[in-house]
Amino acid sequence: MTLVDMKHGNKFIIDKIEDKQTRLQALRFGISEGSEIECAGSMPGGPVILKKNLQEIAIGRRTAEKISVKKKGMI
């Protein structure tokens, strides 16, 4: 399951970011493997909006496809 599979309100944990460039980009946003995040929304064919603490971040769909997640409670 990747970020693009998440729906509004889903809470999840970043499982793996295997692509080095994607991992570096996510780190710039304060997101790393093990981070707990909430999906604040997504647009069909567009970005996925993530919420972490009080910050919202829009992640492009191509980048979001490279980030594996687990729904919170499925660990």
C-alpha atoms as a PDB file:
ATOM      1  CA  MET A   1       0.000   0.000   0.000  1.00  0.00           C
ATOM      2  CA  THR A   2       1.325   3.458  -0.870  1.00  0.00           C
ATOM      3  CA  LEU A   3       0.369   7.040  -0.039  1.00  0.00           C
ATOM      4  CA  VAL A   4      -1.895   7.273  -3.101  1.00  0.00           C
ATOM      5  CA  ASP A   5      -4.111   4.530  -1.598  1.00  0.00           C
ATOM      6  CA  MET A   6      -4.891   6.611   1.499  1.00  0.00           C
ATOM      7  CA  LYS A   7      -8.251   8.340   1.900  1.00  0.00           C
ATOM      8  CA  HIS A   8      -9.172  11.482   3.818  1.00  0.00           C
ATOM      9  CA  GLY A   9      -8.902  10.910   7.556  1.00  0.00           C
ATOM     10  CA  ASN A  10      -6.786   7.720   7.336  1.00  0.00           C
ATOM     11  CA  LYS A  11      -3.952   7.630   9.849  1.00  0.00           C
ATOM     12  CA  PHE A  12      -0.904   5.661   8.865  1.00  0.00           C
ATOM     13  CA  ILE A  13       2.792   5.048   9.437  1.00  0.00           C
ATOM     14  CA  ILE A  14       5.445   5.438   6.770  1.00  0.00           C
ATOM     15  CA  ASP A  15       6.761   1.913   6.203  1.00  0.00           C
ATOM     16  CA  LYS A  16       9.436   2.186   3.500  1.00  0.00           C
ATOM     17  CA  ILE A  17      10.909   4.755   1.169  1.00  0.00           C
ATOM     18  CA  GLU A  18      13.292   2.740  -0.985  1.00  0.00           C
ATOM     19  CA  ASP A  19      14.071   5.330  -3.666  1.00  0.00           C
ATOM     20  CA  LYS A  20      16.965   7.483  -2.429  1.00  0.00           C
ATOM     21  CA  GLN A  21      15.771  10.716  -4.094  1.00  0.00           C
ATOM     22  CA  THR A  22      12.254  10.259  -2.722  1.00  0.00           C
ATOM     23  CA  ARG A  23      13.658   9.546   0.756  1.00  0.00           C
ATOM     24  CA  LEU A  24      15.711  12.764   0.669  1.00  0.00           C
ATOM     25  CA  GLN A  25      12.731  14.783  -0.536  1.00  0.00           C
ATOM     26  CA  ALA A  26      10.513  13.312   2.204  1.00  0.00           C
ATOM     27  CA  LEU A  27      13.153  14.112   4.837  1.00  0.00           C
ATOM     28  CA  ARG A  28      13.055  17.756   3.737  1.00  0.00           C
ATOM     29  CA  PHE A  29       9.330  17.695   4.568  1.00  0.00           C
ATOM     30  CA  GLY A  30      10.030  16.115   7.958  1.00  0.00           C
ATOM     31  CA  ILE A  31       8.771  12.694   6.882  1.00  0.00           C
ATOM     32  CA  SER A  32      10.803   9.543   7.414  1.00  0.00           C
ATOM     33  CA  GLU A  33      10.236   5.825   7.872  1.00  0.00           C
ATOM     34  CA  GLY A  34       8.254   5.333  11.081  1.00  0.00           C
ATOM     35  CA  SER A  35       6.561   8.768  10.923  1.00  0.00           C
ATOM     36  CA  GLU A  36       2.889   8.842  11.898  1.00  0.00           C
ATOM     37  CA  ILE A  37       0.855  10.859   9.409  1.00  0.00           C
ATOM     38  CA  GLU A  38      -2.783  11.573   8.561  1.00  0.00           C
ATOM     39  CA  CYS A  39      -4.251  11.974   5.083  1.00  0.00           C
ATOM     40  CA  ALA A  40      -5.887  15.396   4.940  1.00  0.00           C
ATOM     41  CA  GLY A  41      -7.162  14.811   1.407  1.00  0.00           C
ATOM     42  CA  SER A  42      -6.256  13.899  -2.140  1.00  0.00           C
ATOM     43  CA  MET A  43      -7.297  14.949  -5.601  1.00  0.00           C
ATOM     44  CA  PRO A  44      -7.921  12.405  -8.371  1.00  0.00           C
ATOM     45  CA  GLY A  45      -4.750  12.416 -10.464  1.00  0.00           C
ATOM     46  CA  GLY A  46      -3.301  15.134  -8.237  1.00  0.00           C
ATOM     47  CA  PRO A  47      -1.352  15.500  -5.012  1.00  0.00           C
ATOM     48  CA  VAL A  48      -1.943  13.757  -1.705  1.00  0.00           C
ATOM     49  CA  ILE A  49      -2.254  16.163   1.220  1.00  0.00           C
ATOM     50  CA  LEU A  50      -0.637  14.939   4.419  1.00  0.00           C
ATOM     51  CA  LYS A  51      -1.025  16.287   7.924  1.00  0.00           C
ATOM     52  CA  LYS A  52       1.712  15.873  10.510  1.00  0.00           C
ATOM     53  CA  ASN A  53       1.314  17.712  13.801  1.00  0.00           C
ATOM     54  CA  LEU A  54      -0.036  21.124  12.759  1.00  0.00           C
ATOM     55  CA  GLN A  55       1.550  21.136   9.299  1.00  0.00           C
ATOM     56  CA  GLU A  56      -0.086  20.147   6.004  1.00  0.00           C
ATOM     57  CA  ILE A  57       2.045  19.107   3.037  1.00  0.00           C
ATOM     58  CA  ALA A  58       1.020  18.336  -0.544  1.00  0.00           C
ATOM     59  CA  ILE A  59       2.996  15.437  -2.008  1.00  0.00           C
ATOM     60  CA  GLY A  60       2.920  14.911  -5.777  1.00  0.00           C
ATOM     61  CA  ARG A  61       1.301  11.687  -6.939  1.00  0.00           C
ATOM     62  CA  ARG A  62       4.507  10.286  -8.520  1.00  0.00           C
ATOM     63  CA  THR A  63       6.376  10.808  -5.264  1.00  0.00           C
ATOM     64  CA  ALA A  64       3.482   9.428  -3.198  1.00  0.00           C
ATOM     65  CA  GLU A  65       3.493   6.225  -5.290  1.00  0.00           C
ATOM     66  CA  LYS A  66       7.066   5.533  -4.098  1.00  0.00           C
ATOM     67  CA  ILE A  67       6.244   5.746  -0.364  1.00  0.00           C
ATOM     68  CA  SER A  68       4.956   2.546   1.263  1.00  0.00           C
ATOM     69  CA  VAL A  69       2.653   2.898   4.265  1.00  0.00           C
ATOM     70  CA  LYS A  70       0.802   0.804   6.825  1.00  0.00           C
ATOM     71  CA  LYS A  71      -2.492   1.859   8.343  1.00  0.00           C
ATOM     72  CA  LYS A  72      -2.053   2.692  11.975  1.00  0.00           C
ATOM     73  CA  GLY A  73      -2.832  -0.358  14.082  1.00  0.00           C
ATOM     74  CA  MET A  74      -1.732  -2.844  11.375  1.00  0.00           C
ATOM     75  CA  ILE A  75       1.883  -3.072  12.501  1.00  0.00           C
END
